[in-house]
């Protein structure tokens, strides 16, 4: 299994948590998505920005090798800005056929005002697999 990330890879302890939670025999491979999310101004048209960035993210996901994960559920490390979750999750689902596991680190959870330890969410299960 691979874990995709934009900002920071997972530290060893969080990586082990994910492997244990998913019952993996080995630590997942971490893959950086070569893309920087822009800051959004208050007057930004979020729908238009989301569509534009989803297309760009899909291109960058392909460059990162997500084609190897077609037909498999991967994991994704959540960025600090919560606005981007749905865009990135949709882009990953469009490329693999499955919504990813979402890894929320302690730093990311603190940034969105929901402090706590690392946690793992199954977005495929939460969304119901409706691509």
N, C-alpha and C. Protein backbone atom coordinates (compact mmCIF):
# COMPACT_ATOMS: atom_id res chain seq x y z
N UNK A 1 0.84 -1.18 0.00
CA UNK A 1 0.00 0.00 0.00
C UNK A 1 0.89 1.24 0.00
N UNK A 2 0.36 2.28 -0.63
CA UNK A 2 1.05 3.56 -0.67
C UNK A 2 0.24 4.63 0.06
N UNK A 3 0.97 5.56 0.66
CA UNK A 3 0.36 6.72 1.31
C UNK A 3 0.85 7.94 0.54
N UNK A 4 -0.07 8.71 0.02
CA UNK A 4 0.25 9.93 -0.71
C UNK A 4 0.16 11.13 0.23
N UNK A 5 1.05 12.11 0.01
CA UNK A 5 1.03 13.31 0.84
C UNK A 5 1.46 14.51 0.02
N UNK A 6 1.03 15.69 0.47
CA UNK A 6 1.41 16.94 -0.17
C UNK A 6 2.45 17.70 0.64
N UNK A 7 2.19 17.84 1.93
CA UNK A 7 3.01 18.74 2.76
C UNK A 7 4.14 18.02 3.47
N UNK A 8 3.84 17.01 4.27
CA UNK A 8 4.86 16.31 5.03
C UNK A 8 4.56 14.82 5.06
N UNK A 9 5.61 14.04 4.95
CA UNK A 9 5.44 12.59 5.09
C UNK A 9 5.15 12.28 6.56
N UNK A 10 4.67 11.08 6.79
CA UNK A 10 4.36 10.67 8.16
C UNK A 10 5.64 10.29 8.91
N UNK A 11 5.73 10.68 10.17
CA UNK A 11 6.86 10.21 10.98
C UNK A 11 6.69 8.71 11.26
N UNK A 12 7.75 8.07 11.69
CA UNK A 12 7.74 6.61 11.87
C UNK A 12 6.60 6.12 12.76
N UNK A 13 6.33 6.80 13.87
CA UNK A 13 5.27 6.36 14.78
C UNK A 13 3.90 6.38 14.12
N UNK A 14 3.61 7.44 13.36
CA UNK A 14 2.32 7.54 12.66
C UNK A 14 2.24 6.52 11.53
N UNK A 15 3.35 6.30 10.87
CA UNK A 15 3.39 5.31 9.79
C UNK A 15 3.11 3.91 10.35
N UNK A 16 3.69 3.61 11.50
CA UNK A 16 3.44 2.32 12.15
C UNK A 16 1.98 2.21 12.58
N UNK A 17 1.40 3.31 13.08
CA UNK A 17 -0.01 3.31 13.46
C UNK A 17 -0.90 2.93 12.27
N UNK A 18 -0.64 3.53 11.12
CA UNK A 18 -1.42 3.23 9.92
C UNK A 18 -1.27 1.77 9.53
N UNK A 19 -0.03 1.29 9.53
CA UNK A 19 0.22 -0.12 9.17
C UNK A 19 -0.53 -1.05 10.12
N UNK A 20 -0.48 -0.77 11.41
CA UNK A 20 -1.17 -1.60 12.39
C UNK A 20 -2.69 -1.52 12.22
N UNK A 21 -3.20 -0.30 12.03
CA UNK A 21 -4.65 -0.11 11.90
C UNK A 21 -5.21 -0.83 10.68
N UNK A 22 -4.42 -0.91 9.62
CA UNK A 22 -4.88 -1.55 8.39
C UNK A 22 -4.44 -3.01 8.29
N UNK A 23 -3.76 -3.50 9.31
CA UNK A 23 -3.33 -4.90 9.31
C UNK A 23 -2.31 -5.23 8.25
N UNK A 24 -1.43 -4.28 7.95
CA UNK A 24 -0.41 -4.48 6.91
C UNK A 24 0.78 -5.24 7.46
N UNK A 25 1.40 -6.04 6.63
CA UNK A 25 2.58 -6.81 7.03
C UNK A 25 3.86 -5.97 7.05
N UNK A 26 3.84 -4.87 6.32
CA UNK A 26 5.01 -3.99 6.28
C UNK A 26 4.55 -2.54 6.26
N UNK A 27 5.49 -1.64 6.48
CA UNK A 27 5.15 -0.22 6.47
C UNK A 27 4.79 0.22 5.05
N UNK A 28 3.78 1.07 4.92
CA UNK A 28 3.41 1.56 3.60
C UNK A 28 4.50 2.45 3.01
N UNK A 29 4.55 2.47 1.70
CA UNK A 29 5.45 3.37 0.98
C UNK A 29 4.81 4.75 0.96
N UNK A 30 5.61 5.79 1.22
CA UNK A 30 5.10 7.15 1.18
C UNK A 30 5.51 7.81 -0.14
N UNK A 31 4.55 8.46 -0.78
CA UNK A 31 4.78 9.08 -2.09
C UNK A 31 4.33 10.54 -2.02
N UNK A 32 5.23 11.43 -2.36
CA UNK A 32 4.90 12.85 -2.36
C UNK A 32 4.20 13.21 -3.66
N UNK A 33 3.10 13.96 -3.53
CA UNK A 33 2.41 14.51 -4.71
C UNK A 33 3.10 15.84 -5.01
N UNK A 34 3.72 15.96 -6.17
CA UNK A 34 4.47 17.19 -6.47
C UNK A 34 3.55 18.34 -6.86
N UNK A 35 2.93 18.92 -5.85
CA UNK A 35 1.97 20.00 -6.10
C UNK A 35 1.87 20.86 -4.86
N UNK A 36 1.74 22.14 -5.04
CA UNK A 36 1.58 23.07 -3.93
C UNK A 36 0.19 23.69 -4.04
N UNK A 37 -0.58 23.57 -2.99
CA UNK A 37 -1.93 24.15 -3.00
C UNK A 37 -1.84 25.65 -2.76
N UNK A 38 -2.59 26.41 -3.53
CA UNK A 38 -2.54 27.86 -3.36
C UNK A 38 -3.34 28.30 -2.13
N UNK A 39 -3.01 29.48 -1.63
CA UNK A 39 -3.84 30.10 -0.61
C UNK A 39 -5.06 30.67 -1.30
N UNK A 40 -6.21 30.53 -0.70
CA UNK A 40 -7.44 31.02 -1.30
C UNK A 40 -7.89 32.30 -0.62
N UNK A 41 -8.14 33.33 -1.42
CA UNK A 41 -8.65 34.59 -0.89
C UNK A 41 -10.13 34.44 -0.54
N UNK A 42 -10.61 35.30 0.31
CA UNK A 42 -12.01 35.23 0.76
C UNK A 42 -12.98 35.32 -0.41
N UNK A 43 -12.62 36.03 -1.45
CA UNK A 43 -13.53 36.21 -2.59
C UNK A 43 -13.39 35.12 -3.64
N UNK A 44 -12.61 34.09 -3.37
CA UNK A 44 -12.39 33.01 -4.32
C UNK A 44 -13.68 32.26 -4.61
N UNK A 45 -13.88 31.93 -5.87
CA UNK A 45 -14.99 31.07 -6.28
C UNK A 45 -14.52 29.64 -6.02
N UNK A 46 -14.94 29.07 -4.87
CA UNK A 46 -14.43 27.77 -4.44
C UNK A 46 -14.79 26.65 -5.41
N UNK A 47 -15.95 26.71 -6.02
CA UNK A 47 -16.35 25.65 -6.95
C UNK A 47 -15.42 25.66 -8.17
N UNK A 48 -15.21 26.83 -8.74
CA UNK A 48 -14.34 26.93 -9.92
C UNK A 48 -12.90 26.54 -9.56
N UNK A 49 -12.43 26.98 -8.40
CA UNK A 49 -11.08 26.64 -7.96
C UNK A 49 -10.96 25.14 -7.74
N UNK A 50 -11.97 24.52 -7.17
CA UNK A 50 -11.93 23.08 -6.91
C UNK A 50 -11.84 22.28 -8.20
N UNK A 51 -12.65 22.65 -9.19
CA UNK A 51 -12.64 21.94 -10.47
C UNK A 51 -11.28 22.08 -11.14
N UNK A 52 -10.75 23.29 -11.16
CA UNK A 52 -9.46 23.55 -11.79
C UNK A 52 -8.34 22.77 -11.08
N UNK A 53 -8.34 22.81 -9.76
CA UNK A 53 -7.27 22.15 -9.03
C UNK A 53 -7.40 20.63 -9.02
N UNK A 54 -8.61 20.12 -9.09
CA UNK A 54 -8.78 18.67 -9.17
C UNK A 54 -8.13 18.15 -10.46
N UNK A 55 -8.35 18.84 -11.56
CA UNK A 55 -7.74 18.43 -12.83
C UNK A 55 -6.21 18.49 -12.74
N UNK A 56 -5.68 19.55 -12.15
CA UNK A 56 -4.22 19.66 -11.99
C UNK A 56 -3.68 18.58 -11.05
N UNK A 57 -4.40 18.33 -9.96
CA UNK A 57 -3.97 17.29 -9.02
C UNK A 57 -3.94 15.92 -9.67
N UNK A 58 -4.93 15.63 -10.51
CA UNK A 58 -4.94 14.33 -11.19
C UNK A 58 -3.69 14.17 -12.06
N UNK A 59 -3.29 15.24 -12.74
CA UNK A 59 -2.08 15.20 -13.55
C UNK A 59 -0.87 14.91 -12.68
N UNK A 60 -0.78 15.59 -11.55
CA UNK A 60 0.36 15.39 -10.65
C UNK A 60 0.32 14.02 -9.98
N UNK A 61 -0.86 13.52 -9.68
CA UNK A 61 -0.98 12.16 -9.14
C UNK A 61 -0.46 11.14 -10.14
N UNK A 62 -0.77 11.34 -11.40
CA UNK A 62 -0.28 10.43 -12.43
C UNK A 62 1.25 10.46 -12.50
N UNK A 63 1.80 11.66 -12.40
CA UNK A 63 3.27 11.80 -12.40
C UNK A 63 3.89 11.11 -11.19
N UNK A 64 3.17 11.09 -10.08
CA UNK A 64 3.67 10.44 -8.86
C UNK A 64 3.51 8.92 -8.93
N UNK A 65 2.85 8.41 -9.98
CA UNK A 65 2.74 6.97 -10.16
C UNK A 65 1.48 6.34 -9.62
N UNK A 66 0.41 7.12 -9.47
CA UNK A 66 -0.82 6.56 -8.91
C UNK A 66 -1.45 5.51 -9.82
N UNK A 67 -1.04 5.46 -11.07
CA UNK A 67 -1.55 4.43 -11.98
C UNK A 67 -1.29 3.02 -11.47
N UNK A 68 -0.23 2.85 -10.69
CA UNK A 68 0.07 1.54 -10.09
C UNK A 68 -0.98 1.14 -9.06
N UNK A 69 -1.75 2.10 -8.60
CA UNK A 69 -2.76 1.85 -7.56
C UNK A 69 -4.17 1.74 -8.11
N UNK A 70 -4.31 1.72 -9.42
CA UNK A 70 -5.63 1.57 -10.03
C UNK A 70 -6.29 0.30 -9.47
N UNK A 71 -7.51 0.43 -8.97
CA UNK A 71 -8.23 -0.71 -8.42
C UNK A 71 -7.90 -1.02 -6.97
N UNK A 72 -7.09 -0.17 -6.33
CA UNK A 72 -6.72 -0.38 -4.93
C UNK A 72 -7.01 0.87 -4.11
N UNK A 73 -7.30 0.66 -2.85
CA UNK A 73 -7.51 1.79 -1.95
C UNK A 73 -6.16 2.19 -1.36
N UNK A 74 -5.82 3.45 -1.47
CA UNK A 74 -4.57 3.99 -0.93
C UNK A 74 -4.91 4.86 0.28
N UNK A 75 -3.89 5.45 0.87
CA UNK A 75 -4.10 6.40 1.97
C UNK A 75 -3.58 7.76 1.52
N UNK A 76 -4.08 8.78 2.19
CA UNK A 76 -3.70 10.15 1.89
C UNK A 76 -3.54 10.91 3.20
N UNK A 77 -2.43 11.61 3.36
CA UNK A 77 -2.19 12.42 4.55
C UNK A 77 -2.86 13.78 4.34
N UNK A 78 -3.79 14.10 5.22
CA UNK A 78 -4.57 15.33 5.08
C UNK A 78 -3.69 16.57 5.19
N UNK A 79 -3.90 17.54 4.30
CA UNK A 79 -3.18 18.81 4.43
C UNK A 79 -3.80 19.64 5.55
N UNK A 80 -3.11 20.68 5.96
CA UNK A 80 -3.62 21.51 7.06
C UNK A 80 -4.91 22.24 6.70
N UNK A 81 -5.03 22.68 5.45
CA UNK A 81 -6.21 23.44 5.02
C UNK A 81 -7.34 22.47 4.67
N UNK A 82 -8.36 22.47 5.47
CA UNK A 82 -9.47 21.52 5.34
C UNK A 82 -10.22 21.66 4.01
N UNK A 83 -10.22 22.85 3.41
CA UNK A 83 -10.93 23.08 2.16
C UNK A 83 -10.52 22.08 1.08
N UNK A 84 -9.26 21.66 1.09
CA UNK A 84 -8.73 20.86 0.00
C UNK A 84 -9.03 19.38 0.11
N UNK A 85 -9.51 18.90 1.26
CA UNK A 85 -9.76 17.46 1.42
C UNK A 85 -10.60 16.89 0.30
N UNK A 86 -11.77 17.49 0.08
CA UNK A 86 -12.69 16.92 -0.89
C UNK A 86 -12.11 16.92 -2.30
N UNK A 87 -11.37 17.96 -2.64
CA UNK A 87 -10.76 18.05 -3.97
C UNK A 87 -9.76 16.92 -4.16
N UNK A 88 -8.89 16.74 -3.19
CA UNK A 88 -7.84 15.73 -3.31
C UNK A 88 -8.43 14.32 -3.24
N UNK A 89 -9.38 14.13 -2.35
CA UNK A 89 -10.00 12.81 -2.22
C UNK A 89 -10.71 12.42 -3.52
N UNK A 90 -11.40 13.37 -4.14
CA UNK A 90 -12.06 13.08 -5.42
C UNK A 90 -11.03 12.77 -6.51
N UNK A 91 -9.94 13.51 -6.53
CA UNK A 91 -8.90 13.27 -7.54
C UNK A 91 -8.30 11.86 -7.36
N UNK A 92 -8.03 11.47 -6.14
CA UNK A 92 -7.49 10.14 -5.88
C UNK A 92 -8.50 9.07 -6.29
N UNK A 93 -9.77 9.27 -5.93
CA UNK A 93 -10.82 8.30 -6.28
C UNK A 93 -10.96 8.16 -7.79
N UNK A 94 -10.87 9.29 -8.50
CA UNK A 94 -10.99 9.24 -9.96
C UNK A 94 -9.84 8.44 -10.58
N UNK A 95 -8.68 8.48 -9.96
CA UNK A 95 -7.51 7.78 -10.50
C UNK A 95 -7.43 6.32 -10.08
N UNK A 96 -7.93 5.99 -8.88
CA UNK A 96 -7.78 4.61 -8.39
C UNK A 96 -9.08 3.81 -8.43
N UNK A 97 -10.22 4.51 -8.42
CA UNK A 97 -11.50 3.81 -8.35
C UNK A 97 -12.01 3.67 -6.93
N UNK A 98 -11.23 4.15 -5.95
CA UNK A 98 -11.62 4.07 -4.54
C UNK A 98 -11.27 5.37 -3.83
N UNK A 99 -12.14 5.78 -2.92
CA UNK A 99 -11.80 6.90 -2.05
C UNK A 99 -10.73 6.42 -1.08
N UNK A 100 -9.75 7.27 -0.76
CA UNK A 100 -8.62 6.82 0.07
C UNK A 100 -8.94 6.81 1.56
N UNK A 101 -8.07 6.13 2.30
CA UNK A 101 -8.04 6.31 3.74
C UNK A 101 -7.47 7.71 3.97
N UNK A 102 -8.03 8.46 4.89
CA UNK A 102 -7.54 9.80 5.20
C UNK A 102 -6.80 9.73 6.53
N UNK A 103 -5.52 10.08 6.51
CA UNK A 103 -4.71 10.10 7.72
C UNK A 103 -4.68 11.53 8.24
N UNK A 104 -5.20 11.71 9.43
CA UNK A 104 -5.16 13.03 10.07
C UNK A 104 -4.11 12.98 11.16
N UNK A 105 -3.03 13.75 10.99
CA UNK A 105 -1.96 13.78 11.98
C UNK A 105 -2.35 14.69 13.14
N UNK A 106 -1.62 14.58 14.22
CA UNK A 106 -1.88 15.45 15.37
C UNK A 106 -1.73 16.92 14.98
N UNK A 107 -0.71 17.26 14.18
CA UNK A 107 -0.50 18.65 13.75
C UNK A 107 -1.65 19.13 12.88
N UNK A 108 -2.13 18.27 11.99
CA UNK A 108 -3.23 18.65 11.10
C UNK A 108 -4.51 18.83 11.91
N UNK A 109 -4.75 17.95 12.85
CA UNK A 109 -5.96 18.05 13.68
C UNK A 109 -5.93 19.34 14.51
N UNK A 110 -4.76 19.69 15.03
CA UNK A 110 -4.65 20.95 15.79
C UNK A 110 -4.91 22.15 14.89
N UNK A 111 -4.44 22.09 13.64
CA UNK A 111 -4.62 23.20 12.70
C UNK A 111 -6.09 23.45 12.38
N UNK A 112 -6.91 22.41 12.42
CA UNK A 112 -8.33 22.59 12.11
C UNK A 112 -9.20 22.72 13.36
N UNK A 113 -8.54 22.79 14.54
CA UNK A 113 -9.28 23.01 15.78
C UNK A 113 -9.89 21.75 16.37
N UNK A 114 -9.35 20.59 16.03
CA UNK A 114 -9.84 19.32 16.56
C UNK A 114 -8.63 18.53 17.07
N UNK A 115 -8.00 19.01 18.17
CA UNK A 115 -6.77 18.38 18.63
C UNK A 115 -6.95 16.92 19.02
N UNK A 116 -5.88 16.18 18.86
CA UNK A 116 -5.88 14.77 19.22
C UNK A 116 -4.74 14.07 18.53
N UNK A 117 -4.64 12.79 18.80
CA UNK A 117 -3.60 11.96 18.19
C UNK A 117 -3.96 11.64 16.74
N UNK A 118 -3.01 11.03 16.04
CA UNK A 118 -3.24 10.62 14.65
C UNK A 118 -4.47 9.72 14.59
N UNK A 119 -5.24 9.88 13.53
CA UNK A 119 -6.37 8.98 13.31
C UNK A 119 -6.50 8.69 11.83
N UNK A 120 -7.22 7.62 11.55
CA UNK A 120 -7.38 7.12 10.19
C UNK A 120 -8.86 7.01 9.89
N UNK A 121 -9.30 7.65 8.80
CA UNK A 121 -10.70 7.60 8.40
C UNK A 121 -10.81 6.87 7.07
N UNK A 122 -11.78 6.01 6.95
CA UNK A 122 -12.03 5.29 5.71
C UNK A 122 -13.05 6.08 4.90
N UNK A 123 -12.58 6.94 4.00
CA UNK A 123 -13.51 7.78 3.24
C UNK A 123 -14.33 6.96 2.25
N UNK A 124 -13.82 5.83 1.82
CA UNK A 124 -14.61 4.94 0.95
C UNK A 124 -15.86 4.49 1.70
N UNK A 125 -15.67 4.10 2.95
CA UNK A 125 -16.80 3.67 3.77
C UNK A 125 -17.72 4.82 4.15
N UNK A 126 -17.14 5.99 4.44
CA UNK A 126 -17.94 7.15 4.83
C UNK A 126 -18.79 7.67 3.67
N UNK A 127 -18.22 7.67 2.49
CA UNK A 127 -18.93 8.20 1.32
C UNK A 127 -19.84 7.14 0.71
N UNK A 128 -19.56 5.90 0.98
CA UNK A 128 -20.39 4.82 0.48
C UNK A 128 -19.96 4.29 -0.86
N UNK A 129 -18.77 4.63 -1.28
CA UNK A 129 -18.27 4.11 -2.55
C UNK A 129 -19.00 4.64 -3.76
N UNK A 130 -19.56 5.83 -3.65
CA UNK A 130 -20.32 6.41 -4.77
C UNK A 130 -19.42 7.33 -5.59
N UNK A 131 -18.71 6.78 -6.55
CA UNK A 131 -17.85 7.61 -7.41
C UNK A 131 -18.68 8.39 -8.40
